[in-house]
C-alpha atoms as a PDB file:
ATOM      1  CA  MET A   1     142.193 118.598 346.826  1.00  0.00           C
ATOM      2  CA  LYS A   2     141.150 122.264 346.696  1.00  0.00           C
ATOM      3  CA  LEU A   3     137.790 123.029 345.112  1.00  0.00           C
ATOM      4  CA  ASN A   4     139.292 125.591 342.726  1.00  0.00           C
ATOM      5  CA  GLU A   5     141.694 122.919 341.434  1.00  0.00           C
ATOM      6  CA  ILE A   6     138.766 120.567 340.847  1.00  0.00           C
ATOM      7  CA  ALA A   7     136.860 123.316 339.039  1.00  0.00           C
ATOM      8  CA  GLU A   8     139.821 124.002 336.786  1.00  0.00           C
ATOM      9  CA  ARG A   9     140.411 120.347 335.969  1.00  0.00           C
ATOM     10  CA  LEU A  10     136.740 119.753 335.215  1.00  0.00           C
ATOM     11  CA  GLY A  11     136.223 123.026 333.332  1.00  0.00           C
ATOM     12  CA  CYS A  12     133.334 124.054 335.616  1.00  0.00           C
ATOM     13  CA  ARG A  13     132.317 127.559 336.668  1.00  0.00           C
ATOM     14  CA  LEU A  14     133.039 127.998 340.360  1.00  0.00           C
ATOM     15  CA  GLU A  15     130.627 129.862 342.607  1.00  0.00           C
ATOM     16  CA  GLY A  16     131.810 130.032 346.204  1.00  0.00           C
ATOM     17  CA  ASP A  17     134.959 129.392 348.214  1.00  0.00           C
ATOM     18  CA  GLY A  18     137.603 127.808 346.008  1.00  0.00           C
ATOM     19  CA  GLU A  19     139.909 127.139 348.980  1.00  0.00           C
ATOM     20  CA  LEU A  20     137.634 124.463 350.392  1.00  0.00           C
ATOM     21  CA  ASP A  21     139.297 121.078 350.862  1.00  0.00           C
ATOM     22  CA  ILE A  22     137.445 118.251 349.131  1.00  0.00           C
ATOM     23  CA  HIS A  23     138.248 114.721 350.300  1.00  0.00           C
ATOM     24  CA  ARG A  24     135.797 112.563 348.371  1.00  0.00           C
ATOM     25  CA  VAL A  25     132.716 112.482 346.135  1.00  0.00           C
ATOM     26  CA  SER A  26     129.395 111.287 347.473  1.00  0.00           C
ATOM     27  CA  GLY A  27     125.663 111.056 346.786  1.00  0.00           C
ATOM     28  CA  ILE A  28     123.571 114.076 347.655  1.00  0.00           C
ATOM     29  CA  GLU A  29     121.687 112.414 350.528  1.00  0.00           C
ATOM     30  CA  GLU A  30     124.715 111.062 352.416  1.00  0.00           C
ATOM     31  CA  ALA A  31     127.187 113.863 351.584  1.00  0.00           C
ATOM     32  CA  GLY A  32     128.772 115.775 354.436  1.00  0.00           C
ATOM     33  CA  PRO A  33     131.521 118.347 355.058  1.00  0.00           C
ATOM     34  CA  GLY A  34     134.500 117.741 352.786  1.00  0.00           C
ATOM     35  CA  ASP A  35     132.337 115.990 350.188  1.00  0.00           C
ATOM     36  CA  LEU A  36     131.565 116.943 346.598  1.00  0.00           C
ATOM     37  CA  THR A  37     128.165 115.844 345.322  1.00  0.00           C
ATOM     38  CA  PHE A  38     126.007 116.527 342.268  1.00  0.00           C
ATOM     39  CA  PHE A  39     122.449 117.534 341.397  1.00  0.00           C
ATOM     40  CA  ASN A  40     120.837 116.752 338.065  1.00  0.00           C
ATOM     41  CA  ASN A  41     117.252 115.685 338.782  1.00  0.00           C
ATOM     42  CA  PRO A  42     114.564 118.141 340.021  1.00  0.00           C
ATOM     43  CA  LYS A  43     113.106 115.216 341.954  1.00  0.00           C
ATOM     44  CA  TYR A  44     115.942 115.769 344.459  1.00  0.00           C
ATOM     45  CA  SER A  45     115.404 119.527 344.937  1.00  0.00           C
ATOM     46  CA  GLN A  46     114.567 119.067 348.594  1.00  0.00           C
ATOM     47  CA  GLU A  47     117.758 117.073 349.152  1.00  0.00           C
ATOM     48  CA  LEU A  48     119.743 119.812 347.386  1.00  0.00           C
ATOM     49  CA  ARG A  49     118.360 122.482 349.718  1.00  0.00           C
ATOM     50  CA  ALA A  50     119.219 120.327 352.747  1.00  0.00           C
ATOM     51  CA  THR A  51     122.603 119.001 351.636  1.00  0.00           C
ATOM     52  CA  ARG A  52     125.517 119.126 354.062  1.00  0.00           C
ATOM     53  CA  ALA A  53     128.100 118.745 351.265  1.00  0.00           C
ATOM     54  CA  SER A  54     130.892 121.282 350.938  1.00  0.00           C
ATOM     55  CA  ALA A  55     130.223 121.665 347.206  1.00  0.00           C
ATOM     56  CA  VAL A  56     127.831 120.475 344.536  1.00  0.00           C
ATOM     57  CA  ILE A  57     128.062 120.070 340.773  1.00  0.00           C
ATOM     58  CA  LEU A  58     124.893 121.258 339.040  1.00  0.00           C
ATOM     59  CA  GLY A  59     123.556 122.761 335.832  1.00  0.00           C
ATOM     60  CA  PRO A  60     123.866 126.412 334.797  1.00  0.00           C
ATOM     61  CA  LEU A  61     120.187 127.156 335.559  1.00  0.00           C
ATOM     62  CA  ALA A  62     119.694 124.950 338.612  1.00  0.00           C
ATOM     63  CA  GLU A  63     118.510 126.548 341.827  1.00  0.00           C
ATOM     64  CA  PRO A  64     121.263 127.729 344.172  1.00  0.00           C
ATOM     65  CA  ALA A  65     122.608 125.298 346.741  1.00  0.00           C
ATOM     66  CA  PRO A  66     123.490 126.116 350.373  1.00  0.00           C
ATOM     67  CA  CYS A  67     127.178 125.456 349.621  1.00  0.00           C
ATOM     68  CA  ALA A  68     129.813 126.151 347.000  1.00  0.00           C
ATOM     69  CA  MET A  69     128.768 125.270 343.442  1.00  0.00           C
ATOM     70  CA  LEU A  70     130.437 124.009 340.299  1.00  0.00           C
ATOM     71  CA  ARG A  71     128.174 124.775 337.358  1.00  0.00           C
ATOM     72  CA  ASP A  72     128.421 122.750 334.160  1.00  0.00           C
ATOM     73  CA  PRO A  73     126.050 122.186 331.200  1.00  0.00           C
ATOM     74  CA  GLN A  74     126.400 118.419 331.766  1.00  0.00           C
ATOM     75  CA  PRO A  75     126.544 117.985 335.541  1.00  0.00           C
ATOM     76  CA  TYR A  76     126.358 114.187 335.530  1.00  0.00           C
ATOM     77  CA  LEU A  77     129.284 113.949 333.110  1.00  0.00           C
ATOM     78  CA  ALA A  78     131.237 116.451 335.201  1.00  0.00           C
ATOM     79  CA  PHE A  79     130.503 114.363 338.287  1.00  0.00           C
ATOM     80  CA  ALA A  80     131.759 111.235 336.511  1.00  0.00           C
ATOM     81  CA  LYS A  81     135.019 113.034 335.755  1.00  0.00           C
ATOM     82  CA  ALA A  82     135.216 114.204 339.372  1.00  0.00           C
ATOM     83  CA  VAL A  83     135.003 110.600 340.548  1.00  0.00           C
ATOM     84  CA  GLU A  84     138.010 109.854 338.347  1.00  0.00           C
ATOM     85  CA  LEU A  85     140.009 112.507 340.216  1.00  0.00           C
ATOM     86  CA  PHE A  86     139.512 110.601 343.473  1.00  0.00           C
ATOM     87  CA  ALA A  87     139.862 107.061 342.098  1.00  0.00           C
ATOM     88  CA  ASP A  88     142.493 104.769 343.593  1.00  0.00           C
ATOM     89  CA  PRO A  89     145.612 105.222 341.412  1.00  0.00           C
ATOM     90  CA  TRP A  90     147.097 101.824 342.371  1.00  0.00           C
ATOM     91  CA  ARG A  91     148.163  99.507 339.604  1.00  0.00           C
ATOM     92  CA  PRO A  92     150.239  96.317 339.689  1.00  0.00           C
ATOM     93  CA  ALA A  93     153.921  96.343 338.921  1.00  0.00           C
ATOM     94  CA  PRO A  94     154.797  95.881 335.241  1.00  0.00           C
ATOM     95  CA  GLY A  95     155.950  92.521 333.976  1.00  0.00           C
ATOM     96  CA  ALA A  96     154.753  88.970 334.483  1.00  0.00           C
ATOM     97  CA  HIS A  97     154.350  87.682 338.041  1.00  0.00           C
ATOM     98  CA  ARG A  98     156.547  84.695 338.882  1.00  0.00           C
ATOM     99  CA  LEU A  99     153.411  82.545 339.233  1.00  0.00           C
ATOM    100  CA  ALA A 100     152.031  83.523 335.809  1.00  0.00           C
ATOM    101  CA  VAL A 101     152.384  81.088 332.906  1.00  0.00           C
ATOM    102  CA  LEU A 102     153.409  82.535 329.532  1.00  0.00           C
ATOM    103  CA  GLY A 103     153.536  80.328 326.455  1.00  0.00           C
ATOM    104  CA  ASP A 104     156.160  80.437 323.744  1.00  0.00           C
ATOM    105  CA  GLY A 105     156.310  83.614 321.705  1.00  0.00           C
ATOM    106  CA  VAL A 106     154.151  85.755 324.004  1.00  0.00           C
ATOM    107  CA  GLN A 107     154.742  89.467 323.447  1.00  0.00           C
ATOM    108  CA  LEU A 108     154.300  91.724 326.453  1.00  0.00           C
ATOM    109  CA  GLY A 109     154.102  95.458 325.760  1.00  0.00           C
ATOM    110  CA  GLU A 110     156.013  98.060 327.746  1.00  0.00           C
ATOM    111  CA  GLY A 111     154.418  98.639 331.157  1.00  0.00           C
ATOM    112  CA  ALA A 112     152.006  95.713 330.818  1.00  0.00           C
ATOM    113  CA  SER A 113     151.483  93.435 333.826  1.00  0.00           C
ATOM    114  CA  VAL A 114     150.318  89.834 334.153  1.00  0.00           C
ATOM    115  CA  GLY A 115     149.145  88.702 337.586  1.00  0.00           C
ATOM    116  CA  PRO A 116     149.687  85.436 339.461  1.00  0.00           C
ATOM    117  CA  PHE A 117     148.054  82.281 338.093  1.00  0.00           C
ATOM    118  CA  ALA A 118     147.191  84.007 334.814  1.00  0.00           C
ATOM    119  CA  VAL A 119     147.841  81.864 331.748  1.00  0.00           C
ATOM    120  CA  VAL A 120     148.778  83.358 328.385  1.00  0.00           C
ATOM    121  CA  GLY A 121     148.804  81.035 325.387  1.00  0.00           C
ATOM    122  CA  GLU A 122     151.560  80.781 322.824  1.00  0.00           C
ATOM    123  CA  GLY A 123     151.880  83.590 320.339  1.00  0.00           C
ATOM    124  CA  ALA A 124     149.520  85.925 322.211  1.00  0.00           C
ATOM    125  CA  THR A 125     150.153  89.670 322.255  1.00  0.00           C
ATOM    126  CA  ILE A 126     149.431  91.999 325.190  1.00  0.00           C
ATOM    127  CA  GLY A 127     149.695  95.733 324.538  1.00  0.00           C
ATOM    128  CA  GLU A 128     151.404  98.521 326.437  1.00  0.00           C
ATOM    129  CA  ARG A 129     150.220  99.239 330.002  1.00  0.00           C
ATOM    130  CA  THR A 130     147.522  96.561 329.842  1.00  0.00           C
ATOM    131  CA  ILE A 131     146.703  94.922 333.182  1.00  0.00           C
ATOM    132  CA  VAL A 132     145.939  91.197 333.322  1.00  0.00           C
ATOM    133  CA  TYR A 133     144.675  90.296 336.788  1.00  0.00           C
ATOM    134  CA  PRO A 134     145.036  86.877 338.488  1.00  0.00           C
ATOM    135  CA  HIS A 135     143.465  83.748 336.999  1.00  0.00           C
ATOM    136  CA  VAL A 136     142.846  85.339 333.595  1.00  0.00           C
ATOM    137  CA  VAL A 137     143.240  82.907 330.684  1.00  0.00           C
ATOM    138  CA  ILE A 138     144.290  84.269 327.284  1.00  0.00           C
ATOM    139  CA  GLY A 139     144.236  81.807 324.413  1.00  0.00           C
ATOM    140  CA  ARG A 140     146.904  81.226 321.840  1.00  0.00           C
ATOM    141  CA  GLN A 141     147.422  83.940 319.221  1.00  0.00           C
ATOM    142  CA  ALA A 142     144.953  86.275 320.924  1.00  0.00           C
ATOM    143  CA  GLN A 143     145.687  89.979 320.547  1.00  0.00           C
ATOM    144  CA  ILE A 144     145.060  92.382 323.424  1.00  0.00           C
ATOM    145  CA  GLY A 145     145.559  96.108 322.769  1.00  0.00           C
ATOM    146  CA  GLY A 146     147.085  98.796 324.932  1.00  0.00           C
ATOM    147  CA  ASP A 147     145.705 100.257 328.197  1.00  0.00           C
ATOM    148  CA  CYS A 148     143.219  97.415 328.653  1.00  0.00           C
ATOM    149  CA  ILE A 149     142.100  95.980 332.005  1.00  0.00           C
ATOM    150  CA  LEU A 150     141.224  92.287 332.245  1.00  0.00           C
ATOM    151  CA  HIS A 151     139.819  91.525 335.679  1.00  0.00           C
ATOM    152  CA  ALA A 152     140.087  88.217 337.503  1.00  0.00           C
ATOM    153  CA  ARG A 153     138.901  84.993 335.828  1.00  0.00           C
ATOM    154  CA  VAL A 154     138.305  86.582 332.439  1.00  0.00           C
ATOM    155  CA  SER A 155     138.668  84.101 329.590  1.00  0.00           C
ATOM    156  CA  ILE A 156     139.877  85.315 326.182  1.00  0.00           C
ATOM    157  CA  ARG A 157     139.753  82.429 323.752  1.00  0.00           C
ATOM    158  CA  GLU A 158     142.174  81.691 320.920  1.00  0.00           C
ATOM    159  CA  ARG A 159     142.632  84.261 318.139  1.00  0.00           C
ATOM    160  CA  VAL A 160     140.257  86.801 319.738  1.00  0.00           C
ATOM    161  CA  ARG A 161     141.233  90.407 319.005  1.00  0.00           C
ATOM    162  CA  ILE A 162     140.729  93.080 321.672  1.00  0.00           C
ATOM    163  CA  GLY A 163     141.271  96.755 320.878  1.00  0.00           C
ATOM    164  CA  ASN A 164     142.701  99.533 323.030  1.00  0.00           C
ATOM    165  CA  ARG A 165     141.329 100.820 326.360  1.00  0.00           C
ATOM    166  CA  VAL A 166     138.950  97.880 326.717  1.00  0.00           C
ATOM    167  CA  ILE A 167     137.752  96.952 330.221  1.00  0.00           C
ATOM    168  CA  ILE A 168     136.525  93.407 330.823  1.00  0.00           C
ATOM    169  CA  GLN A 169     134.972  92.671 334.205  1.00  0.00           C
ATOM    170  CA  ASP A 170     135.340  89.514 336.278  1.00  0.00           C
ATOM    171  CA  GLY A 171     134.378  86.198 334.758  1.00  0.00           C
ATOM    172  CA  ALA A 172     133.470  87.404 331.260  1.00  0.00           C
ATOM    173  CA  ILE A 173     134.140  84.972 328.417  1.00  0.00           C
ATOM    174  CA  ILE A 174     135.092  86.283 325.001  1.00  0.00           C
ATOM    175  CA  GLY A 175     135.196  83.838 322.101  1.00  0.00           C
ATOM    176  CA  SER A 176     133.313  80.879 323.555  1.00  0.00           C
ATOM    177  CA  ASP A 177     131.814  78.464 321.018  1.00  0.00           C
ATOM    178  CA  GLY A 178     128.614  79.579 319.341  1.00  0.00           C
ATOM    179  CA  TYR A 179     125.519  77.391 319.703  1.00  0.00           C
ATOM    180  CA  GLY A 180     125.614  75.497 316.419  1.00  0.00           C
ATOM    181  CA  PHE A 181     124.466  71.928 315.704  1.00  0.00           C
ATOM    182  CA  ALA A 182     123.283  70.049 312.618  1.00  0.00           C
ATOM    183  CA  GLN A 183     120.617  67.411 313.109  1.00  0.00           C
ATOM    184  CA  ARG A 184     121.410  63.875 311.988  1.00  0.00           C
ATOM    185  CA  PRO A 185     118.772  61.590 310.406  1.00  0.00           C
ATOM    186  CA  ASP A 186     118.367  59.733 313.713  1.00  0.00           C
ATOM    187  CA  GLY A 187     117.495  62.963 315.565  1.00  0.00           C
ATOM    188  CA  THR A 188     120.843  63.387 317.317  1.00  0.00           C
ATOM    189  CA  HIS A 189     122.943  66.502 316.786  1.00  0.00           C
ATOM    190  CA  HIS A 190     126.374  66.973 315.236  1.00  0.00           C
ATOM    191  CA  LYS A 191     128.415  69.885 316.623  1.00  0.00           C
ATOM    192  CA  ILE A 192     129.409  72.471 314.034  1.00  0.00           C
ATOM    193  CA  PRO A 193     133.019  73.543 314.730  1.00  0.00           C
ATOM    194  CA  GLN A 194     133.059  77.219 315.708  1.00  0.00           C
ATOM    195  CA  ILE A 195     136.243  78.437 314.039  1.00  0.00           C
ATOM    196  CA  GLY A 196     135.324  82.085 313.369  1.00  0.00           C
ATOM    197  CA  GLY A 197     136.657  85.073 315.260  1.00  0.00           C
ATOM    198  CA  VAL A 198     135.638  87.727 317.748  1.00  0.00           C
ATOM    199  CA  ILE A 199     136.733  91.361 317.425  1.00  0.00           C
ATOM    200  CA  VAL A 200     136.217  93.847 320.243  1.00  0.00           C
ATOM    201  CA  GLU A 201     137.019  97.381 319.101  1.00  0.00           C
ATOM    202  CA  ASP A 202     138.451 100.284 321.123  1.00  0.00           C
ATOM    203  CA  ASP A 203     136.913 101.758 324.311  1.00  0.00           C
ATOM    204  CA  VAL A 204     134.472  98.914 324.937  1.00  0.00           C
ATOM    205  CA  GLU A 205     133.507  97.776 328.442  1.00  0.00           C
ATOM    206  CA  ILE A 206     132.200  94.247 329.015  1.00  0.00           C
ATOM    207  CA  GLY A 207     130.437  93.352 332.269  1.00  0.00           C
ATOM    208  CA  ALA A 208     130.924  90.463 334.655  1.00  0.00           C
ATOM    209  CA  GLN A 209     129.835  86.989 333.540  1.00  0.00           C
ATOM    210  CA  THR A 210     128.980  88.179 330.035  1.00  0.00           C
ATOM    211  CA  ALA A 211     129.528  85.733 327.157  1.00  0.00           C
ATOM    212  CA  ILE A 212     130.372  86.734 323.589  1.00  0.00           C
ATOM    213  CA  ASP A 213     130.405  83.748 321.217  1.00  0.00           C
ATOM    214  CA  ARG A 214     132.470  83.043 318.123  1.00  0.00           C
ATOM    215  CA  PRO A 215     130.703  81.842 314.938  1.00  0.00           C
ATOM    216  CA  ALA A 216     131.393  78.814 312.772  1.00  0.00           C
ATOM    217  CA  VAL A 217     132.577  81.180 310.030  1.00  0.00           C
ATOM    218  CA  GLY A 218     132.991  84.943 309.897  1.00  0.00           C
ATOM    219  CA  THR A 219     133.221  87.245 312.905  1.00  0.00           C
ATOM    220  CA  THR A 220     131.333  88.411 315.961  1.00  0.00           C
ATOM    221  CA  ARG A 221     132.100  92.129 316.324  1.00  0.00           C
ATOM    222  CA  ILE A 222     131.613  94.634 319.148  1.00  0.00           C
ATOM    223  CA  GLY A 223     131.854  98.230 317.894  1.00  0.00           C
ATOM    224  CA  ALA A 224     133.970 100.977 319.425  1.00  0.00           C
ATOM    225  CA  GLY A 225     132.634 102.720 322.517  1.00  0.00           C
ATOM    226  CA  SER A 226     129.911 100.169 323.257  1.00  0.00           C
ATOM    227  CA  LYS A 227     129.172  99.380 326.906  1.00  0.00           C
ATOM    228  CA  ILE A 228     127.888  95.946 327.883  1.00  0.00           C
ATOM    229  CA  ASP A 229     126.513  95.174 331.343  1.00  0.00           C
ATOM    230  CA  ASN A 230     126.718  91.995 333.419  1.00  0.00           C
ATOM    231  CA  LEU A 231     125.177  88.665 332.372  1.00  0.00           C
ATOM    232  CA  VAL A 232     124.671  89.558 328.723  1.00  0.00           C
ATOM    233  CA  GLN A 233     124.630  86.867 326.026  1.00  0.00           C
ATOM    234  CA  ILE A 234     125.834  87.837 322.538  1.00  0.00           C
ATOM    235  CA  ALA A 235     125.552  84.887 320.179  1.00  0.00           C
ATOM    236  CA  HIS A 236     127.677  83.822 317.232  1.00  0.00           C
ATOM    237  CA  GLY A 237     127.991  86.168 314.278  1.00  0.00           C
ATOM    238  CA  VAL A 238     126.302  89.143 315.951  1.00  0.00           C
ATOM    239  CA  THR A 239     127.473  92.612 314.928  1.00  0.00           C
ATOM    240  CA  ILE A 240     127.196  95.341 317.560  1.00  0.00           C
ATOM    241  CA  GLY A 241     127.651  98.908 316.290  1.00  0.00           C
ATOM    242  CA  ARG A 242     129.392 101.861 317.892  1.00  0.00           C
ATOM    243  CA  ASN A 243     128.286 103.382 321.229  1.00  0.00           C
ATOM    244  CA  VAL A 244     125.657 100.732 321.878  1.00  0.00           C
ATOM    245  CA  LEU A 245     124.364 100.254 325.448  1.00  0.00           C
ATOM    246  CA  LEU A 246     123.293  96.755 326.546  1.00  0.00           C
ATOM    247  CA  ALA A 247     121.943  96.469 330.095  1.00  0.00           C
ATOM    248  CA  ALA A 248     122.011  93.369 332.282  1.00  0.00           C
ATOM    249  CA  GLN A 249     120.610  90.060 331.032  1.00  0.00           C
ATOM    250  CA  VAL A 250     120.140  91.181 327.441  1.00  0.00           C
ATOM    251  CA  GLY A 251     120.213  88.244 325.042  1.00  0.00           C
ATOM    252  CA  ILE A 252     120.941  88.593 321.325  1.00  0.00           C
ATOM    253  CA  ALA A 253     120.539  85.577 319.051  1.00  0.00           C
ATOM    254  CA  GLY A 254     122.909  84.704 316.240  1.00  0.00           C
ATOM    255  CA  SER A 255     123.631  86.722 313.094  1.00  0.00           C
ATOM    256  CA  THR A 256     121.719  89.793 314.255  1.00  0.00           C
ATOM    257  CA  THR A 257     122.992  93.313 313.580  1.00  0.00           C
ATOM    258  CA  ILE A 258     122.628  95.999 316.239  1.00  0.00           C
ATOM    259  CA  GLU A 259     123.398  99.341 314.606  1.00  0.00           C
ATOM    260  CA  ASP A 260     125.071 102.373 316.209  1.00  0.00           C
ATOM    261  CA  SER A 261     123.749 104.075 319.364  1.00  0.00           C
ATOM    262  CA  VAL A 262     121.107 101.450 320.178  1.00  0.00           C
ATOM    263  CA  THR A 263     120.005 101.074 323.816  1.00  0.00           C
ATOM    264  CA  LEU A 264     118.593  97.762 325.041  1.00  0.00           C
ATOM    265  CA  ALA A 265     117.423  97.904 328.653  1.00  0.00           C
ATOM    266  CA  GLY A 266     117.526  94.993 331.089  1.00  0.00           C
ATOM    267  CA  GLN A 267     116.330  91.543 329.961  1.00  0.00           C
ATOM    268  CA  VAL A 268     115.599  92.583 326.385  1.00  0.00           C
ATOM    269  CA  GLY A 269     115.619  89.578 324.068  1.00  0.00           C
ATOM    270  CA  VAL A 270     116.412  89.868 320.348  1.00  0.00           C
ATOM    271  CA  ALA A 271     115.765  87.019 317.903  1.00  0.00           C
ATOM    272  CA  GLY A 272     118.306  85.953 315.291  1.00  0.00           C
ATOM    273  CA  HIS A 273     119.008  87.252 311.773  1.00  0.00           C
ATOM    274  CA  LEU A 274     117.439  90.672 312.474  1.00  0.00           C
ATOM    275  CA  THR A 275     118.561  94.283 312.104  1.00  0.00           C
ATOM    276  CA  ILE A 276     117.945  96.736 314.936  1.00  0.00           C
ATOM    277  CA  GLY A 277     118.305 100.180 313.386  1.00  0.00           C
ATOM    278  CA  LYS A 278     120.446 103.067 314.530  1.00  0.00           C
ATOM    279  CA  GLY A 279     119.281 104.806 317.702  1.00  0.00           C
ATOM    280  CA  VAL A 280     116.588 102.279 318.641  1.00  0.00           C
ATOM    281  CA  ILE A 281     115.601 102.199 322.321  1.00  0.00           C
ATOM    282  CA  ALA A 282     113.933  99.107 323.800  1.00  0.00           C
ATOM    283  CA  THR A 283     112.590  99.250 327.357  1.00  0.00           C
ATOM    284  CA  ALA A 284     113.144  96.504 329.931  1.00  0.00           C
ATOM    285  CA  GLN A 285     111.924  92.974 329.119  1.00  0.00           C
ATOM    286  CA  THR A 286     111.007  93.849 325.542  1.00  0.00           C
ATOM    287  CA  GLY A 287     110.962  90.862 323.192  1.00  0.00           C
ATOM    288  CA  ILE A 288     112.027  91.661 319.626  1.00  0.00           C
ATOM    289  CA  PRO A 289     111.066  88.970 317.058  1.00  0.00           C
ATOM    290  CA  ASN A 290     111.338  91.216 313.976  1.00  0.00           C
ATOM    291  CA  SER A 291     113.695  93.883 312.648  1.00  0.00           C
ATOM    292  CA  VAL A 292     113.176  97.400 314.037  1.00  0.00           C
ATOM    293  CA  GLU A 293     113.508 100.605 312.031  1.00  0.00           C
ATOM    294  CA  ALA A 294     116.068 103.234 313.013  1.00  0.00           C
ATOM    295  CA  GLY A 295     115.019 105.651 315.742  1.00  0.00           C
ATOM    296  CA  ALA A 296     112.126 103.545 317.055  1.00  0.00           C
ATOM    297  CA  PHE A 297     111.221 103.439 320.758  1.00  0.00           C
ATOM    298  CA  VAL A 298     109.725 100.022 321.489  1.00  0.00           C
ATOM    299  CA  SER A 299     108.333  98.001 324.392  1.00  0.00           C
ATOM    300  CA  GLY A 300     106.507  94.776 325.149  1.00  0.00           C
ATOM    301  CA  TYR A 301     106.266  91.443 323.377  1.00  0.00           C
ATOM    302  CA  PRO A 302     106.062  91.369 320.484  1.00  0.00           C
ATOM    303  CA  ALA A 303     107.794  94.735 320.444  1.00  0.00           C
ATOM    304  CA  ILE A 304     105.553  97.644 319.451  1.00  0.00           C
ATOM    305  CA  SER A 305     105.792 101.412 319.714  1.00  0.00           C
ATOM    306  CA  ASN A 306     106.340 102.434 323.328  1.00  0.00           C
ATOM    307  CA  ARG A 307     103.405 104.861 323.105  1.00  0.00           C
ATOM    308  CA  ASP A 308     101.079 102.080 321.908  1.00  0.00           C
ATOM    309  CA  TRP A 309     102.425  99.720 324.564  1.00  0.00           C
ATOM    310  CA  LEU A 310     101.737 102.258 327.329  1.00  0.00           C
ATOM    311  CA  LYS A 311      98.145 102.637 326.114  1.00  0.00           C
ATOM    312  CA  SER A 312      97.743  98.862 325.907  1.00  0.00           C
ATOM    313  CA  SER A 313      99.249  98.209 329.341  1.00  0.00           C
ATOM    314  CA  ALA A 314      96.777 100.683 330.846  1.00  0.00           C
ATOM    315  CA  VAL A 315      93.990  98.461 329.497  1.00  0.00           C
ATOM    316  CA  PHE A 316      95.471  95.149 330.706  1.00  0.00           C
ATOM    317  CA  ARG A 317      94.393  95.552 334.326  1.00  0.00           C
ATOM    318  CA  ARG A 318      90.841  96.384 333.225  1.00  0.00           C
ATOM    319  CA  LEU A 319      90.434  93.287 331.070  1.00  0.00           C
ATOM    320  CA  PRO A 320      88.352  91.322 333.648  1.00  0.00           C
ATOM    321  CA  GLU A 321      86.026  94.302 334.083  1.00  0.00           C
ATOM    322  CA  LEU A 322      85.786  94.846 330.325  1.00  0.00           C
ATOM    323  CA  LYS A 323      85.094  91.143 329.749  1.00  0.00           C
ATOM    324  CA  LYS A 324      82.206  91.251 332.246  1.00  0.00           C
ATOM    325  CA  ARG A 325      80.784  94.390 330.633  1.00  0.00           C
ATOM    326  CA  LEU A 326      81.030  92.766 327.206  1.00  0.00           C
ATOM    327  CA  SER A 327      79.222  89.668 328.468  1.00  0.00           C
ATOM    328  CA  ASP A 328      76.513  91.855 330.010  1.00  0.00           C
ATOM    329  CA  LEU A 329      76.126  93.781 326.742  1.00  0.00           C
ATOM    330  CA  GLU A 330      75.901  90.571 324.730  1.00  0.00           C
ATOM    331  CA  ALA A 331      73.222  89.267 327.074  1.00  0.00           C
ATOM    332  CA  ARG A 332      71.326  92.547 326.835  1.00  0.00           C
ATOM    333  CA  ILE A 333      71.527  92.516 323.016  1.00  0.00           C
ATOM    334  CA  GLN A 334      70.205  88.951 322.941  1.00  0.00           C
ATOM    335  CA  GLU A 335      67.336  89.996 325.220  1.00  0.00           C
ATOM    336  CA  LEU A 336      66.482  92.990 323.024  1.00  0.00           C
ATOM    337  CA  GLU A 337      66.642  90.876 319.870  1.00  0.00           C
ATOM    338  CA  ALA A 338      64.259  88.376 321.440  1.00  0.00           C
ATOM    339  CA  GLN A 339      61.852  91.175 322.412  1.00  0.00           C
ATOM    340  CA  LEU A 340      61.983  92.608 318.888  1.00  0.00           C
ATOM    341  CA  ALA A 341      61.337  89.192 317.370  1.00  0.00           C
ATOM    342  CA  GLU A 342      58.356  88.674 319.710  1.00  0.00           C
ATOM    343  CA  ALA A 343      56.898  92.106 318.888  1.00  0.00           C
ATOM    344  CA  SER A 344      57.336  91.461 315.165  1.00  0.00           C
ATOM    345  CA  ALA A 345      55.529  88.133 315.439  1.00  0.00           C
ATOM    346  CA  GLU A 346      52.613  89.774 317.285  1.00  0.00           C
ATOM    347  CA  ARG A 347      52.246  92.410 314.545  1.00  0.00           C
ATOM    348  CA  ARG A 348      51.922  89.674 311.936  1.00  0.00           C
END
């Protein structure tokens, strides 16, 4: 693809030879002739000056590169769109594979495809151009929107509703039973039937091996545009807002509300029946036992202001030294008090 065509399709300002042939996109350190790379972090200025790439995407004010340049106010976003230009366009043939199993009353939208060994329960609906890869299981009366991609071994349980343009990575389970038990007088536990629903709105991505549970009553909801990483646990009755980012191994307990544009970094844990306000950011391994006000930036356990946590963590490694100094000061105070008491007794 010619560089000037790429510039036009991305809406970037071209500086340099637009007739260059670009064959792929690559990282700045490994890029070579025929590659398009990007620069967005001053930390990599040395790599930019030494790059062997044919062209680079960078910001309007970034230092010049030793190659052709595509300037854009959001270079990382432009790079993401450039990757799309070179993505493999292959898609399976429309229709159900002869080794797929479709129950009674299944509705398959125009251009949709169902791969071998996939099982679609009775009364389920699959929207236009949606791809269902091999070994996917879709429960009865589930609704899958248009232009979705369900990768291998995904499980969509009964009556789950999936919006449009949703991507679900390998092995994710949507609509599994929530963790609900009532204790009997003898100490054993009676399972509470989990008969509620799960709704995944438009433009959501769900990572591999993630589990999203259904509640006993009501709905677990994932808001439009939210992106969920691998190995995330979303419990029964949780409400996730729009454009939320959940990194790997996040766990959210039941009946909690995560409002719009929240970011939870890796291994963040959120207790149940809380509200995490709009725009909250929690750094990796934060434990959140209480509700968090909108716009907060929190860290640690229990979660506190990130600024306070940074100050506290700087003290942690000095605790043994500080403990020794405190013990020395206490001993010195006791010695001085004894000397004062002795001097007072002598004066009497």
